[in-house]
Amino acid sequence: MLGTIMQSDTREPASPRTIYISEDVRSYVLARKRDFRVSTACSGPILLPTSVKPPKITDLQIPIGDYTIYLSKYQARYLDSIHKGMIPIYYNDF
């Protein structure tokens, strides 16, 4: 699945940017029936429930069915995909 977002730190018109959402992440979000946010951790980007890491007003929003993955507009420029490796092992029960 692809999520298209717009992002620009300049005053120039933004061009669409595509971030790939893996099927594993899509299934994970839909099975847990909640919103998530990609946050920064020491080991890199991590996908956490918004109950643990609330979204910010400036976050970009990627719809996944009835739910949303929030992504920092600053972090978005460095990501091409949101994948299974961003799901923490110890959050399987969330």
PDB file of N, CA and C in Angstrom:
ATOM      1  N   MET A   1       0.843  -1.175   0.000  1.00  0.00           N
ATOM      2  CA  MET A   1       0.000   0.000   0.000  1.00  0.00           C
ATOM      3  C   MET A   1       0.889   1.240   0.000  1.00  0.00           C
ATOM      4  N   LEU A   2       0.462   2.253  -0.695  1.00  0.00           N
ATOM      5  CA  LEU A   2       1.219   3.487  -0.742  1.00  0.00           C
ATOM      6  C   LEU A   2       0.431   4.590  -0.062  1.00  0.00           C
ATOM      7  N   GLY A   3       1.123   5.448   0.656  1.00  0.00           N
ATOM      8  CA  GLY A   3       0.513   6.631   1.241  1.00  0.00           C
ATOM      9  C   GLY A   3       1.182   7.844   0.619  1.00  0.00           C
ATOM     10  N   THR A   4       0.413   8.752   0.085  1.00  0.00           N
ATOM     11  CA  THR A   4       0.984   9.944  -0.517  1.00  0.00           C
ATOM     12  C   THR A   4       0.862  11.093   0.461  1.00  0.00           C
ATOM     13  N   ILE A   5       1.956  11.784   0.684  1.00  0.00           N
ATOM     14  CA  ILE A   5       1.962  12.926   1.591  1.00  0.00           C
ATOM     15  C   ILE A   5       2.607  14.105   0.893  1.00  0.00           C
ATOM     16  N   MET A   6       2.283  15.276   1.341  1.00  0.00           N
ATOM     17  CA  MET A   6       2.882  16.491   0.818  1.00  0.00           C
ATOM     18  C   MET A   6       3.781  17.053   1.909  1.00  0.00           C
ATOM     19  N   GLN A   7       4.963  17.500   1.532  1.00  0.00           N
ATOM     20  CA  GLN A   7       5.870  18.036   2.533  1.00  0.00           C
ATOM     21  C   GLN A   7       6.842  19.005   1.886  1.00  0.00           C
ATOM     22  N   SER A   8       7.012  20.153   2.509  1.00  0.00           N
ATOM     23  CA  SER A   8       7.979  21.121   2.013  1.00  0.00           C
ATOM     24  C   SER A   8       8.359  22.062   3.147  1.00  0.00           C
ATOM     25  N   ASP A   9       9.635  22.305   3.313  1.00  0.00           N
ATOM     26  CA  ASP A   9      10.092  23.269   4.307  1.00  0.00           C
ATOM     27  C   ASP A   9      10.392  24.621   3.663  1.00  0.00           C
ATOM     28  N   THR A  10      10.171  24.709   2.384  1.00  0.00           N
ATOM     29  CA  THR A  10      10.399  25.968   1.679  1.00  0.00           C
ATOM     30  C   THR A  10       9.051  26.554   1.297  1.00  0.00           C
ATOM     31  N   ARG A  11       9.061  27.724   0.782  1.00  0.00           N
ATOM     32  CA  ARG A  11       7.813  28.354   0.355  1.00  0.00           C
ATOM     33  C   ARG A  11       7.446  27.967  -1.078  1.00  0.00           C
ATOM     34  N   GLU A  12       8.215  27.065  -1.665  1.00  0.00           N
ATOM     35  CA  GLU A  12       7.938  26.590  -3.006  1.00  0.00           C
ATOM     36  C   GLU A  12       6.794  25.582  -2.961  1.00  0.00           C
ATOM     37  N   PRO A  13       6.071  25.405  -4.070  1.00  0.00           N
ATOM     38  CA  PRO A  13       4.997  24.403  -4.094  1.00  0.00           C
ATOM     39  C   PRO A  13       5.552  23.020  -3.782  1.00  0.00           C
ATOM     40  N   ALA A  14       4.838  22.286  -2.972  1.00  0.00           N
ATOM     41  CA  ALA A  14       5.279  20.946  -2.576  1.00  0.00           C
ATOM     42  C   ALA A  14       4.929  19.932  -3.656  1.00  0.00           C
ATOM     43  N   SER A  15       5.814  19.004  -3.864  1.00  0.00           N
ATOM     44  CA  SER A  15       5.509  17.907  -4.778  1.00  0.00           C
ATOM     45  C   SER A  15       5.094  16.706  -3.941  1.00  0.00           C
ATOM     46  N   PRO A  16       4.188  15.880  -4.455  1.00  0.00           N
ATOM     47  CA  PRO A  16       3.745  14.722  -3.669  1.00  0.00           C
ATOM     48  C   PRO A  16       4.916  13.786  -3.390  1.00  0.00           C
ATOM     49  N   ARG A  17       4.918  13.217  -2.233  1.00  0.00           N
ATOM     50  CA  ARG A  17       5.949  12.259  -1.842  1.00  0.00           C
ATOM     51  C   ARG A  17       5.238  10.987  -1.427  1.00  0.00           C
ATOM     52  N   THR A  18       5.714   9.855  -1.864  1.00  0.00           N
ATOM     53  CA  THR A  18       5.073   8.586  -1.574  1.00  0.00           C
ATOM     54  C   THR A  18       5.897   7.799  -0.565  1.00  0.00           C
ATOM     55  N   ILE A  19       5.215   7.308   0.462  1.00  0.00           N
ATOM     56  CA  ILE A  19       5.843   6.431   1.449  1.00  0.00           C
ATOM     57  C   ILE A  19       5.109   5.097   1.385  1.00  0.00           C
ATOM     58  N   TYR A  20       5.857   4.023   1.202  1.00  0.00           N
ATOM     59  CA  TYR A  20       5.292   2.680   1.109  1.00  0.00           C
ATOM     60  C   TYR A  20       4.942   2.172   2.506  1.00  0.00           C
ATOM     61  N   ILE A  21       3.735   1.649   2.665  1.00  0.00           N
ATOM     62  CA  ILE A  21       3.299   1.028   3.924  1.00  0.00           C
ATOM     63  C   ILE A  21       3.254  -0.470   3.668  1.00  0.00           C
ATOM     64  N   SER A  22       4.073  -1.236   4.366  1.00  0.00           N
ATOM     65  CA  SER A  22       4.102  -2.682   4.126  1.00  0.00           C
ATOM     66  C   SER A  22       2.783  -3.321   4.563  1.00  0.00           C
ATOM     67  N   GLU A  23       2.488  -4.448   3.961  1.00  0.00           N
ATOM     68  CA  GLU A  23       1.253  -5.173   4.300  1.00  0.00           C
ATOM     69  C   GLU A  23       1.290  -5.636   5.755  1.00  0.00           C
ATOM     70  N   ASP A  24       2.476  -5.951   6.284  1.00  0.00           N
ATOM     71  CA  ASP A  24       2.608  -6.341   7.691  1.00  0.00           C
ATOM     72  C   ASP A  24       2.151  -5.213   8.613  1.00  0.00           C
ATOM     73  N   VAL A  25       2.567  -3.986   8.311  1.00  0.00           N
ATOM     74  CA  VAL A  25       2.195  -2.827   9.127  1.00  0.00           C
ATOM     75  C   VAL A  25       0.703  -2.555   8.987  1.00  0.00           C
ATOM     76  N   ARG A  26       0.198  -2.628   7.772  1.00  0.00           N
ATOM     77  CA  ARG A  26      -1.239  -2.417   7.547  1.00  0.00           C
ATOM     78  C   ARG A  26      -2.061  -3.422   8.368  1.00  0.00           C
ATOM     79  N   SER A  27      -1.697  -4.677   8.323  1.00  0.00           N
ATOM     80  CA  SER A  27      -2.401  -5.719   9.083  1.00  0.00           C
ATOM     81  C   SER A  27      -2.288  -5.472  10.588  1.00  0.00           C
ATOM     82  N   TYR A  28      -1.107  -5.060  11.035  1.00  0.00           N
ATOM     83  CA  TYR A  28      -0.862  -4.768  12.452  1.00  0.00           C
ATOM     84  C   TYR A  28      -1.790  -3.657  12.941  1.00  0.00           C
ATOM     85  N   VAL A  29      -1.881  -2.573  12.187  1.00  0.00           N
ATOM     86  CA  VAL A  29      -2.733  -1.436  12.565  1.00  0.00           C
ATOM     87  C   VAL A  29      -4.200  -1.850  12.574  1.00  0.00           C
ATOM     88  N   LEU A  30      -4.647  -2.525  11.527  1.00  0.00           N
ATOM     89  CA  LEU A  30      -6.058  -2.922  11.430  1.00  0.00           C
ATOM     90  C   LEU A  30      -6.447  -3.937  12.510  1.00  0.00           C
ATOM     91  N   ALA A  31      -5.545  -4.851  12.854  1.00  0.00           N
ATOM     92  CA  ALA A  31      -5.835  -5.852  13.878  1.00  0.00           C
ATOM     93  C   ALA A  31      -5.939  -5.235  15.275  1.00  0.00           C
ATOM     94  N   ARG A  32      -5.183  -4.174  15.516  1.00  0.00           N
ATOM     95  CA  ARG A  32      -5.188  -3.536  16.835  1.00  0.00           C
ATOM     96  C   ARG A  32      -6.214  -2.425  16.961  1.00  0.00           C
ATOM     97  N   LYS A  33      -6.819  -2.047  15.838  1.00  0.00           N
ATOM     98  CA  LYS A  33      -7.926  -1.078  15.826  1.00  0.00           C
ATOM     99  C   LYS A  33      -7.596   0.200  16.598  1.00  0.00           C
ATOM    100  N   ARG A  34      -6.462   0.791  16.243  1.00  0.00           N
ATOM    101  CA  ARG A  34      -6.056   2.042  16.887  1.00  0.00           C
ATOM    102  C   ARG A  34      -5.107   2.811  15.975  1.00  0.00           C
ATOM    103  N   ASP A  35      -4.882   4.074  16.320  1.00  0.00           N
ATOM    104  CA  ASP A  35      -3.950   4.917  15.587  1.00  0.00           C
ATOM    105  C   ASP A  35      -2.532   4.701  16.120  1.00  0.00           C
ATOM    106  N   PHE A  36      -1.547   4.949  15.249  1.00  0.00           N
ATOM    107  CA  PHE A  36      -0.148   4.799  15.611  1.00  0.00           C
ATOM    108  C   PHE A  36       0.631   6.030  15.179  1.00  0.00           C
ATOM    109  N   ARG A  37       1.822   6.172  15.748  1.00  0.00           N
ATOM    110  CA  ARG A  37       2.718   7.266  15.363  1.00  0.00           C
ATOM    111  C   ARG A  37       4.117   6.705  15.185  1.00  0.00           C
ATOM    112  N   VAL A  38       4.779   7.114  14.120  1.00  0.00           N
ATOM    113  CA  VAL A  38       6.181   6.765  13.924  1.00  0.00           C
ATOM    114  C   VAL A  38       6.995   7.759  14.740  1.00  0.00           C
ATOM    115  N   SER A  39       7.716   7.237  15.733  1.00  0.00           N
ATOM    116  CA  SER A  39       8.509   8.070  16.634  1.00  0.00           C
ATOM    117  C   SER A  39       9.984   7.751  16.461  1.00  0.00           C
ATOM    118  N   THR A  40      10.814   8.640  16.962  1.00  0.00           N
ATOM    119  CA  THR A  40      12.254   8.438  16.885  1.00  0.00           C
ATOM    120  C   THR A  40      12.734   7.751  18.160  1.00  0.00           C
ATOM    121  N   ALA A  41      13.510   6.691  17.992  1.00  0.00           N
ATOM    122  CA  ALA A  41      14.119   5.969  19.108  1.00  0.00           C
ATOM    123  C   ALA A  41      15.617   5.859  18.829  1.00  0.00           C
ATOM    124  N   CYS A  42      16.372   5.437  19.814  1.00  0.00           N
ATOM    125  CA  CYS A  42      17.826   5.302  19.645  1.00  0.00           C
ATOM    126  C   CYS A  42      18.175   4.381  18.476  1.00  0.00           C
ATOM    127  N   SER A  43      17.357   3.355  18.271  1.00  0.00           N
ATOM    128  CA  SER A  43      17.636   2.392  17.209  1.00  0.00           C
ATOM    129  C   SER A  43      17.039   2.797  15.864  1.00  0.00           C
ATOM    130  N   GLY A  44      16.359   3.948  15.817  1.00  0.00           N
ATOM    131  CA  GLY A  44      15.740   4.416  14.577  1.00  0.00           C
ATOM    132  C   GLY A  44      14.243   4.593  14.747  1.00  0.00           C
ATOM    133  N   PRO A  45      13.514   4.761  13.647  1.00  0.00           N
ATOM    134  CA  PRO A  45      12.069   4.978  13.737  1.00  0.00           C
ATOM    135  C   PRO A  45      11.353   3.759  14.322  1.00  0.00           C
ATOM    136  N   ILE A  46      10.329   4.026  15.130  1.00  0.00           N
ATOM    137  CA  ILE A  46       9.575   2.974  15.787  1.00  0.00           C
ATOM    138  C   ILE A  46       8.085   3.317  15.719  1.00  0.00           C
ATOM    139  N   LEU A  47       7.239   2.317  15.529  1.00  0.00           N
ATOM    140  CA  LEU A  47       5.802   2.503  15.417  1.00  0.00           C
ATOM    141  C   LEU A  47       5.161   2.248  16.780  1.00  0.00           C
ATOM    142  N   LEU A  48       4.599   3.299  17.377  1.00  0.00           N
ATOM    143  CA  LEU A  48       4.001   3.190  18.702  1.00  0.00           C
ATOM    144  C   LEU A  48       2.535   3.611  18.665  1.00  0.00           C
ATOM    145  N   PRO A  49       1.697   3.013  19.524  1.00  0.00           N
ATOM    146  CA  PRO A  49       0.305   3.461  19.608  1.00  0.00           C
ATOM    147  C   PRO A  49       0.252   4.921  20.065  1.00  0.00           C
ATOM    148  N   THR A  50      -0.750   5.651  19.609  1.00  0.00           N
ATOM    149  CA  THR A  50      -0.866   7.053  20.018  1.00  0.00           C
ATOM    150  C   THR A  50      -1.194   7.175  21.503  1.00  0.00           C
ATOM    151  N   SER A  51      -1.608   6.098  22.142  1.00  0.00           N
ATOM    152  CA  SER A  51      -1.810   6.128  23.596  1.00  0.00           C
ATOM    153  C   SER A  51      -0.472   6.203  24.325  1.00  0.00           C
ATOM    154  N   VAL A  52       0.596   5.769  23.671  1.00  0.00           N
ATOM    155  CA  VAL A  52       1.942   5.825  24.230  1.00  0.00           C
ATOM    156  C   VAL A  52       2.666   7.088  23.761  1.00  0.00           C
ATOM    157  N   LYS A  53       2.543   7.397  22.489  1.00  0.00           N
ATOM    158  CA  LYS A  53       3.199   8.565  21.891  1.00  0.00           C
ATOM    159  C   LYS A  53       2.157   9.344  21.085  1.00  0.00           C
ATOM    160  N   PRO A  54       1.520  10.346  21.702  1.00  0.00           N
ATOM    161  CA  PRO A  54       0.454  11.093  21.023  1.00  0.00           C
ATOM    162  C   PRO A  54       0.958  11.850  19.791  1.00  0.00           C
ATOM    163  N   PRO A  55       0.083  12.026  18.799  1.00  0.00           N
ATOM    164  CA  PRO A  55       0.481  12.782  17.606  1.00  0.00           C
ATOM    165  C   PRO A  55       0.633  14.263  17.917  1.00  0.00           C
ATOM    166  N   LYS A  56       1.403  14.922  17.074  1.00  0.00           N
ATOM    167  CA  LYS A  56       1.566  16.375  17.177  1.00  0.00           C
ATOM    168  C   LYS A  56       0.740  17.037  16.074  1.00  0.00           C
ATOM    169  N   ILE A  57       0.401  18.278  16.277  1.00  0.00           N
ATOM    170  CA  ILE A  57      -0.410  19.020  15.308  1.00  0.00           C
ATOM    171  C   ILE A  57       0.269  19.056  13.944  1.00  0.00           C
ATOM    172  N   THR A  58       1.584  19.086  13.928  1.00  0.00           N
ATOM    173  CA  THR A  58       2.328  19.204  12.679  1.00  0.00           C
ATOM    174  C   THR A  58       2.577  17.870  11.974  1.00  0.00           C
ATOM    175  N   ASP A  59       2.156  16.760  12.578  1.00  0.00           N
ATOM    176  CA  ASP A  59       2.378  15.451  11.972  1.00  0.00           C
ATOM    177  C   ASP A  59       1.604  15.286  10.673  1.00  0.00           C
ATOM    178  N   LEU A  60       2.193  14.555   9.760  1.00  0.00           N
ATOM    179  CA  LEU A  60       1.513  14.154   8.536  1.00  0.00           C
ATOM    180  C   LEU A  60       0.654  12.946   8.875  1.00  0.00           C
ATOM    181  N   GLN A  61      -0.436  12.760   8.158  1.00  0.00           N
ATOM    182  CA  GLN A  61      -1.358  11.672   8.450  1.00  0.00           C
ATOM    183  C   GLN A  61      -1.451  10.721   7.264  1.00  0.00           C
ATOM    184  N   ILE A  62      -1.287   9.430   7.546  1.00  0.00           N
ATOM    185  CA  ILE A  62      -1.387   8.400   6.525  1.00  0.00           C
ATOM    186  C   ILE A  62      -2.561   7.503   6.921  1.00  0.00           C
ATOM    187  N   PRO A  63      -3.647   7.509   6.157  1.00  0.00           N
ATOM    188  CA  PRO A  63      -4.813   6.687   6.506  1.00  0.00           C
ATOM    189  C   PRO A  63      -4.555   5.206   6.229  1.00  0.00           C
ATOM    190  N   ILE A  64      -4.998   4.381   7.178  1.00  0.00           N
ATOM    191  CA  ILE A  64      -4.960   2.925   7.052  1.00  0.00           C
ATOM    192  C   ILE A  64      -6.358   2.443   7.445  1.00  0.00           C
ATOM    193  N   GLY A  65      -7.225   2.245   6.491  1.00  0.00           N
ATOM    194  CA  GLY A  65      -8.616   1.908   6.800  1.00  0.00           C
ATOM    195  C   GLY A  65      -9.240   3.029   7.613  1.00  0.00           C
ATOM    196  N   ASP A  66      -9.810   2.692   8.764  1.00  0.00           N
ATOM    197  CA  ASP A  66     -10.422   3.685   9.657  1.00  0.00           C
ATOM    198  C   ASP A  66      -9.413   4.304  10.617  1.00  0.00           C
ATOM    199  N   TYR A  67      -8.154   3.946  10.505  1.00  0.00           N
ATOM    200  CA  TYR A  67      -7.130   4.382  11.446  1.00  0.00           C
ATOM    201  C   TYR A  67      -6.069   5.229  10.744  1.00  0.00           C
ATOM    202  N   THR A  68      -5.183   5.806  11.533  1.00  0.00           N
ATOM    203  CA  THR A  68      -4.180   6.722  10.984  1.00  0.00           C
ATOM    204  C   THR A  68      -2.804   6.414  11.551  1.00  0.00           C
ATOM    205  N   ILE A  69      -1.800   6.491  10.674  1.00  0.00           N
ATOM    206  CA  ILE A  69      -0.409   6.494  11.122  1.00  0.00           C
ATOM    207  C   ILE A  69       0.049   7.944  11.026  1.00  0.00           C
ATOM    208  N   TYR A  70       0.501   8.490  12.141  1.00  0.00           N
ATOM    209  CA  TYR A  70       1.010   9.857  12.195  1.00  0.00           C
ATOM    210  C   TYR A  70       2.521   9.806  12.009  1.00  0.00           C
ATOM    211  N   LEU A  71       3.027  10.781  11.289  1.00  0.00           N
ATOM    212  CA  LEU A  71       4.445  10.811  10.970  1.00  0.00           C
ATOM    213  C   LEU A  71       4.944  12.249  11.054  1.00  0.00           C
ATOM    214  N   SER A  72       6.008  12.447  11.798  1.00  0.00           N
ATOM    215  CA  SER A  72       6.594  13.778  11.919  1.00  0.00           C
ATOM    216  C   SER A  72       6.968  14.312  10.540  1.00  0.00           C
ATOM    217  N   LYS A  73       6.618  15.564  10.281  1.00  0.00           N
ATOM    218  CA  LYS A  73       6.960  16.149   8.979  1.00  0.00           C
ATOM    219  C   LYS A  73       8.473  16.245   8.800  1.00  0.00           C
ATOM    220  N   TYR A  74       9.206  16.286   9.891  1.00  0.00           N
ATOM    221  CA  TYR A  74      10.664  16.340   9.814  1.00  0.00           C
ATOM    222  C   TYR A  74      11.251  14.966   9.522  1.00  0.00           C
ATOM    223  N   GLN A  75      10.663  13.924  10.098  1.00  0.00           N
ATOM    224  CA  GLN A  75      11.147  12.569   9.886  1.00  0.00           C
ATOM    225  C   GLN A  75      10.736  12.040   8.504  1.00  0.00           C
ATOM    226  N   ALA A  76       9.634  12.531   7.978  1.00  0.00           N
ATOM    227  CA  ALA A  76       9.096  12.032   6.707  1.00  0.00           C
ATOM    228  C   ALA A  76      10.105  12.138   5.569  1.00  0.00           C
ATOM    229  N   ARG A  77      10.923  13.149   5.587  1.00  0.00           N
ATOM    230  CA  ARG A  77      11.889  13.338   4.494  1.00  0.00           C
ATOM    231  C   ARG A  77      12.928  12.232   4.439  1.00  0.00           C
ATOM    232  N   TYR A  78      13.106  11.483   5.521  1.00  0.00           N
ATOM    233  CA  TYR A  78      14.126  10.435   5.572  1.00  0.00           C
ATOM    234  C   TYR A  78      13.557   9.032   5.373  1.00  0.00           C
ATOM    235  N   LEU A  79      12.237   8.898   5.309  1.00  0.00           N
ATOM    236  CA  LEU A  79      11.614   7.575   5.202  1.00  0.00           C
ATOM    237  C   LEU A  79      11.044   7.329   3.810  1.00  0.00           C
ATOM    238  N   ASP A  80      11.295   6.139   3.301  1.00  0.00           N
ATOM    239  CA  ASP A  80      10.672   5.701   2.050  1.00  0.00           C
ATOM    240  C   ASP A  80       9.585   4.681   2.321  1.00  0.00           C
ATOM    241  N   SER A  81       9.639   4.078   3.515  1.00  0.00           N
ATOM    242  CA  SER A  81       8.645   3.055   3.853  1.00  0.00           C
ATOM    243  C   SER A  81       8.442   2.977   5.360  1.00  0.00           C
ATOM    244  N   ILE A  82       7.288   2.438   5.725  1.00  0.00           N
ATOM    245  CA  ILE A  82       6.987   2.092   7.117  1.00  0.00           C
ATOM    246  C   ILE A  82       6.779   0.584   7.079  1.00  0.00           C
ATOM    247  N   HIS A  83       7.643  -0.146   7.780  1.00  0.00           N
ATOM    248  CA  HIS A  83       7.708  -1.604   7.632  1.00  0.00           C
ATOM    249  C   HIS A  83       7.728  -2.324   8.977  1.00  0.00           C
ATOM    250  N   LYS A  84       7.664  -3.643   8.898  1.00  0.00           N
ATOM    251  CA  LYS A  84       7.600  -4.507  10.080  1.00  0.00           C
ATOM    252  C   LYS A  84       8.748  -4.274  11.063  1.00  0.00           C
ATOM    253  N   GLY A  85       9.901  -3.901  10.577  1.00  0.00           N
ATOM    254  CA  GLY A  85      11.051  -3.652  11.439  1.00  0.00           C
ATOM    255  C   GLY A  85      10.849  -2.485  12.391  1.00  0.00           C
ATOM    256  N   MET A  86       9.830  -1.678  12.166  1.00  0.00           N
ATOM    257  CA  MET A  86       9.531  -0.536  13.042  1.00  0.00           C
ATOM    258  C   MET A  86       8.558  -0.910  14.158  1.00  0.00           C
ATOM    259  N   ILE A  87       8.039  -2.138  14.121  1.00  0.00           N
ATOM    260  CA  ILE A  87       7.113  -2.596  15.165  1.00  0.00           C
ATOM    261  C   ILE A  87       7.938  -3.190  16.302  1.00  0.00           C
ATOM    262  N   PRO A  88       7.838  -2.620  17.503  1.00  0.00           N
ATOM    263  CA  PRO A  88       8.613  -3.167  18.630  1.00  0.00           C
ATOM    264  C   PRO A  88       8.126  -4.571  18.996  1.00  0.00           C
ATOM    265  N   ILE A  89       9.041  -5.464  19.251  1.00  0.00           N
ATOM    266  CA  ILE A  89       8.695  -6.848  19.597  1.00  0.00           C
ATOM    267  C   ILE A  89       7.828  -6.903  20.846  1.00  0.00           C
ATOM    268  N   TYR A  90       8.125  -6.072  21.830  1.00  0.00           N
ATOM    269  CA  TYR A  90       7.418  -6.133  23.100  1.00  0.00           C
ATOM    270  C   TYR A  90       6.054  -5.458  23.058  1.00  0.00           C
ATOM    271  N   TYR A  91       5.632  -4.917  21.920  1.00  0.00           N
ATOM    272  CA  TYR A  91       4.316  -4.273  21.825  1.00  0.00           C
ATOM    273  C   TYR A  91       3.301  -5.134  21.091  1.00  0.00           C
ATOM    274  N   ASN A  92       3.537  -6.431  20.979  1.00  0.00           N
ATOM    275  CA  ASN A  92       2.594  -7.298  20.280  1.00  0.00           C
ATOM    276  C   ASN A  92       1.214  -7.315  20.928  1.00  0.00           C
ATOM    277  N   ASP A  93       1.141  -7.052  22.218  1.00  0.00           N
ATOM    278  CA  ASP A  93      -0.156  -7.059  22.912  1.00  0.00           C
ATOM    279  C   ASP A  93      -0.900  -5.743  22.821  1.00  0.00           C
ATOM    280  N   PHE A  94      -0.276  -4.706  22.296  1.00  0.00           N
ATOM    281  CA  PHE A  94      -0.931  -3.405  22.177  1.00  0.00           C
ATOM    282  C   PHE A  94      -1.852  -3.396  20.986  1.00  0.00           C
TER     283      PHE A  94
END
